[in-house]
Every structure is written in C-alpha cells, then in structure tokens.
C-alpha cells in the first residue's frame, strides 16, 4: 500500500501535520543555536516527538482500515503485511 491509496483529504491532513513538525524542528534548531536552557529544548523535542507519533498513528489507522477491507475480500497475504508493519511501528 502507498500513501496515494489513503485518499486526498487524509494525505493533505498528514502533510499539514508534517509542515507543523518541520516548523517545530526549525524552532528547535534556533533554540539550540541561541543557547536556550536544556529543559526548554527537551520540552520542545518531546512535543515534536508526540507530533510525529500522532502523524504516524493517522497513517497506521488508514493502513489498517484499507488492509482490513482487503482481508475481507480474501487477500490472504495481507495479515503478513499487517504484522510486518506493526513490528516496525511498535
């Protein structure tokens, strides 16, 4: 399955999340360059990590929905693909 299979509204939602994350990472770079306190940098890093996890969860959910439909249609290879993806994600 490719991200093109997710549907345009889901893809746009993911892209918006990634653009925000990109801004957070740029902000982190600036914080480090400015010599900001470590606890502030770590707090922002934690927020960035959670944002990445949230974006990944959107993709994973859509992947599982699409795979479930294929399993229901009799695609016997999908459970193995699902297991492989879950091993990478978890």
N, C-alpha and C. Protein backbone atom coordinates (compact mmCIF):
# COMPACT_ATOMS: atom_id res chain seq x y z
N UNK A 1 0.83 -1.17 0.00
CA UNK A 1 0.00 0.00 0.00
C UNK A 1 0.88 1.24 0.00
N UNK A 2 0.48 2.24 -0.75
CA UNK A 2 1.20 3.51 -0.83
C UNK A 2 0.36 4.61 -0.21
N UNK A 3 1.00 5.73 0.09
CA UNK A 3 0.25 6.85 0.65
C UNK A 3 -0.77 7.40 -0.35
N UNK A 4 -0.56 7.14 -1.64
CA UNK A 4 -1.54 7.58 -2.63
C UNK A 4 -2.86 6.83 -2.49
N UNK A 5 -2.84 5.70 -1.80
CA UNK A 5 -4.06 4.92 -1.56
C UNK A 5 -4.90 5.49 -0.42
N UNK A 6 -4.37 6.46 0.31
CA UNK A 6 -5.03 6.96 1.50
C UNK A 6 -6.19 7.92 1.22
N UNK A 7 -6.22 8.51 0.07
CA UNK A 7 -7.25 9.49 -0.22
C UNK A 7 -6.71 10.89 -0.05
N UNK A 8 -7.16 11.81 -0.88
CA UNK A 8 -6.58 13.16 -0.88
C UNK A 8 -6.75 13.92 0.43
N UNK A 9 -7.87 13.76 1.11
CA UNK A 9 -8.08 14.50 2.35
C UNK A 9 -7.18 13.98 3.47
N UNK A 10 -6.94 12.68 3.50
CA UNK A 10 -6.04 12.11 4.51
C UNK A 10 -4.61 12.54 4.21
N UNK A 11 -4.22 12.48 2.96
CA UNK A 11 -2.87 12.90 2.57
C UNK A 11 -2.65 14.36 2.94
N UNK A 12 -3.61 15.22 2.67
CA UNK A 12 -3.47 16.64 3.00
C UNK A 12 -3.37 16.84 4.50
N UNK A 13 -4.13 16.09 5.27
CA UNK A 13 -4.07 16.17 6.73
C UNK A 13 -2.67 15.79 7.23
N UNK A 14 -2.12 14.73 6.67
CA UNK A 14 -0.78 14.29 7.06
C UNK A 14 0.25 15.34 6.67
N UNK A 15 0.12 15.89 5.47
CA UNK A 15 1.07 16.92 5.02
C UNK A 15 1.02 18.15 5.92
N UNK A 16 -0.17 18.55 6.36
CA UNK A 16 -0.28 19.69 7.28
C UNK A 16 0.44 19.39 8.58
N UNK A 17 0.26 18.19 9.10
CA UNK A 17 0.94 17.80 10.33
C UNK A 17 2.46 17.85 10.14
N UNK A 18 2.92 17.33 9.01
CA UNK A 18 4.37 17.31 8.75
C UNK A 18 4.94 18.71 8.59
N UNK A 19 4.17 19.62 8.01
CA UNK A 19 4.64 21.01 7.88
C UNK A 19 4.79 21.65 9.26
N UNK A 20 3.84 21.36 10.16
CA UNK A 20 3.95 21.88 11.53
C UNK A 20 5.17 21.29 12.23
N UNK A 21 5.38 20.01 12.03
CA UNK A 21 6.54 19.35 12.63
C UNK A 21 7.83 19.96 12.09
N UNK A 22 7.85 20.23 10.79
CA UNK A 22 9.01 20.86 10.18
C UNK A 22 9.30 22.21 10.86
N UNK A 23 8.24 22.96 11.13
CA UNK A 23 8.40 24.24 11.83
C UNK A 23 8.92 24.04 13.25
N UNK A 24 8.44 22.99 13.90
CA UNK A 24 8.93 22.70 15.25
C UNK A 24 10.43 22.36 15.23
N UNK A 25 10.85 21.60 14.25
CA UNK A 25 12.26 21.23 14.15
C UNK A 25 13.11 22.46 13.86
N UNK A 26 12.64 23.33 12.99
CA UNK A 26 13.38 24.58 12.74
C UNK A 26 13.47 25.40 14.03
N UNK A 27 12.38 25.42 14.80
CA UNK A 27 12.39 26.12 16.08
C UNK A 27 13.39 25.51 17.05
N UNK A 28 13.49 24.20 17.03
CA UNK A 28 14.47 23.52 17.88
C UNK A 28 15.90 23.90 17.49
N UNK A 29 16.16 23.95 16.21
CA UNK A 29 17.49 24.34 15.75
C UNK A 29 17.84 25.74 16.24
N UNK A 30 16.87 26.62 16.15
CA UNK A 30 17.08 28.00 16.59
C UNK A 30 17.32 28.05 18.10
N UNK A 31 16.55 27.26 18.84
CA UNK A 31 16.72 27.22 20.29
C UNK A 31 18.13 26.79 20.67
N UNK A 32 18.63 25.76 19.99
CA UNK A 32 19.98 25.25 20.28
C UNK A 32 21.02 26.31 19.90
N UNK A 33 20.85 26.94 18.73
CA UNK A 33 21.79 27.98 18.31
C UNK A 33 21.82 29.14 19.29
N UNK A 34 20.68 29.47 19.85
CA UNK A 34 20.58 30.59 20.79
C UNK A 34 21.07 30.22 22.19
N UNK A 35 21.32 28.93 22.41
CA UNK A 35 21.79 28.50 23.73
C UNK A 35 20.69 28.47 24.78
N UNK A 36 19.49 28.15 24.37
CA UNK A 36 18.36 28.10 25.31
C UNK A 36 18.57 26.99 26.33
N UNK A 37 17.92 27.09 27.49
CA UNK A 37 18.07 26.08 28.54
C UNK A 37 17.68 24.68 28.04
N UNK A 38 18.42 23.69 28.51
CA UNK A 38 18.20 22.31 28.07
C UNK A 38 16.78 21.84 28.34
N UNK A 39 16.21 22.22 29.48
CA UNK A 39 14.86 21.75 29.77
C UNK A 39 13.84 22.29 28.77
N UNK A 40 14.03 23.51 28.30
CA UNK A 40 13.14 24.08 27.28
C UNK A 40 13.29 23.34 25.95
N UNK A 41 14.54 23.04 25.59
CA UNK A 41 14.79 22.31 24.34
C UNK A 41 14.18 20.91 24.43
N UNK A 42 14.38 20.24 25.55
CA UNK A 42 13.84 18.90 25.71
C UNK A 42 12.31 18.89 25.70
N UNK A 43 11.71 19.92 26.28
CA UNK A 43 10.25 20.02 26.26
C UNK A 43 9.76 20.14 24.82
N UNK A 44 10.42 20.96 24.04
CA UNK A 44 10.03 21.12 22.64
C UNK A 44 10.29 19.85 21.85
N UNK A 45 11.38 19.16 22.15
CA UNK A 45 11.66 17.88 21.48
C UNK A 45 10.58 16.85 21.78
N UNK A 46 10.13 16.84 23.03
CA UNK A 46 9.06 15.91 23.40
C UNK A 46 7.78 16.22 22.62
N UNK A 47 7.46 17.50 22.49
CA UNK A 47 6.27 17.89 21.73
C UNK A 47 6.42 17.48 20.26
N UNK A 48 7.61 17.63 19.71
CA UNK A 48 7.86 17.25 18.32
C UNK A 48 7.73 15.74 18.15
N UNK A 49 8.26 15.01 19.09
CA UNK A 49 8.16 13.54 19.05
C UNK A 49 6.69 13.10 19.09
N UNK A 50 5.92 13.72 19.96
CA UNK A 50 4.49 13.37 20.06
C UNK A 50 3.76 13.73 18.77
N UNK A 51 4.13 14.82 18.14
CA UNK A 51 3.51 15.21 16.88
C UNK A 51 3.83 14.19 15.79
N UNK A 52 5.06 13.69 15.77
CA UNK A 52 5.44 12.65 14.81
C UNK A 52 4.65 11.37 15.06
N UNK A 53 4.51 11.00 16.33
CA UNK A 53 3.75 9.80 16.67
C UNK A 53 2.29 9.95 16.24
N UNK A 54 1.76 11.14 16.41
CA UNK A 54 0.37 11.40 16.02
C UNK A 54 0.20 11.25 14.51
N UNK A 55 1.13 11.79 13.74
CA UNK A 55 1.08 11.66 12.28
C UNK A 55 1.21 10.19 11.88
N UNK A 56 2.09 9.48 12.54
CA UNK A 56 2.26 8.05 12.25
C UNK A 56 1.00 7.28 12.58
N UNK A 57 0.32 7.64 13.65
CA UNK A 57 -0.92 6.96 14.02
C UNK A 57 -2.00 7.14 12.96
N UNK A 58 -2.06 8.31 12.36
CA UNK A 58 -3.03 8.56 11.29
C UNK A 58 -2.76 7.61 10.12
N UNK A 59 -1.50 7.53 9.74
CA UNK A 59 -1.13 6.64 8.62
C UNK A 59 -1.41 5.19 8.98
N UNK A 60 -1.04 4.78 10.19
CA UNK A 60 -1.26 3.40 10.60
C UNK A 60 -2.74 3.04 10.61
N UNK A 61 -3.56 3.93 11.13
CA UNK A 61 -5.00 3.68 11.17
C UNK A 61 -5.56 3.48 9.76
N UNK A 62 -5.20 4.38 8.86
CA UNK A 62 -5.69 4.27 7.49
C UNK A 62 -5.18 3.00 6.81
N UNK A 63 -3.92 2.67 7.08
CA UNK A 63 -3.34 1.44 6.54
C UNK A 63 -4.15 0.23 7.01
N UNK A 64 -4.47 0.19 8.30
CA UNK A 64 -5.21 -0.95 8.84
C UNK A 64 -6.63 -1.02 8.28
N UNK A 65 -7.26 0.12 8.10
CA UNK A 65 -8.60 0.14 7.52
C UNK A 65 -8.58 -0.43 6.10
N UNK A 66 -7.62 0.03 5.31
CA UNK A 66 -7.52 -0.46 3.93
C UNK A 66 -7.15 -1.94 3.89
N UNK A 67 -6.26 -2.36 4.76
CA UNK A 67 -5.88 -3.77 4.80
C UNK A 67 -7.04 -4.65 5.25
N UNK A 68 -7.82 -4.18 6.21
CA UNK A 68 -8.97 -4.96 6.67
C UNK A 68 -9.95 -5.21 5.53
N UNK A 69 -10.13 -4.20 4.69
CA UNK A 69 -11.01 -4.36 3.55
C UNK A 69 -10.46 -5.42 2.60
N UNK A 70 -9.15 -5.42 2.41
CA UNK A 70 -8.55 -6.42 1.52
C UNK A 70 -8.63 -7.83 2.13
N UNK A 71 -8.47 -7.93 3.44
CA UNK A 71 -8.60 -9.22 4.11
C UNK A 71 -10.02 -9.74 3.94
N UNK A 72 -10.99 -8.85 4.09
CA UNK A 72 -12.40 -9.24 3.93
C UNK A 72 -12.68 -9.71 2.51
N UNK A 73 -11.92 -9.20 1.55
CA UNK A 73 -12.09 -9.62 0.16
C UNK A 73 -11.33 -10.91 -0.14
N UNK A 74 -10.62 -11.44 0.86
CA UNK A 74 -9.94 -12.71 0.67
C UNK A 74 -8.46 -12.64 0.37
N UNK A 75 -7.83 -11.48 0.51
CA UNK A 75 -6.41 -11.36 0.26
C UNK A 75 -5.64 -12.00 1.41
N UNK A 76 -5.16 -13.21 1.21
CA UNK A 76 -4.52 -13.99 2.25
C UNK A 76 -3.14 -13.44 2.65
N UNK A 77 -2.51 -12.62 1.80
CA UNK A 77 -1.19 -12.09 2.10
C UNK A 77 -1.23 -10.88 3.03
N UNK A 78 -2.39 -10.24 3.16
CA UNK A 78 -2.48 -9.01 3.95
C UNK A 78 -2.14 -9.20 5.43
N UNK A 79 -2.58 -10.26 6.09
CA UNK A 79 -2.21 -10.39 7.51
C UNK A 79 -0.70 -10.37 7.73
N UNK A 80 0.07 -10.98 6.82
CA UNK A 80 1.53 -10.94 6.95
C UNK A 80 2.05 -9.52 6.77
N UNK A 81 1.48 -8.79 5.83
CA UNK A 81 1.89 -7.39 5.61
C UNK A 81 1.56 -6.55 6.84
N UNK A 82 0.39 -6.77 7.41
CA UNK A 82 -0.01 -6.04 8.61
C UNK A 82 0.98 -6.33 9.75
N UNK A 83 1.32 -7.60 9.94
CA UNK A 83 2.26 -7.97 11.01
C UNK A 83 3.61 -7.30 10.80
N UNK A 84 4.08 -7.25 9.58
CA UNK A 84 5.37 -6.63 9.28
C UNK A 84 5.35 -5.14 9.63
N UNK A 85 4.28 -4.46 9.24
CA UNK A 85 4.17 -3.03 9.53
C UNK A 85 4.08 -2.79 11.02
N UNK A 86 3.30 -3.59 11.72
CA UNK A 86 3.17 -3.41 13.17
C UNK A 86 4.49 -3.64 13.88
N UNK A 87 5.27 -4.61 13.43
CA UNK A 87 6.60 -4.84 14.04
C UNK A 87 7.48 -3.61 13.89
N UNK A 88 7.41 -2.94 12.75
CA UNK A 88 8.21 -1.73 12.54
C UNK A 88 7.71 -0.58 13.39
N UNK A 89 6.41 -0.52 13.57
CA UNK A 89 5.80 0.63 14.25
C UNK A 89 5.94 0.53 15.75
N UNK A 90 5.85 -0.67 16.28
CA UNK A 90 5.83 -0.84 17.74
C UNK A 90 7.22 -0.89 18.31
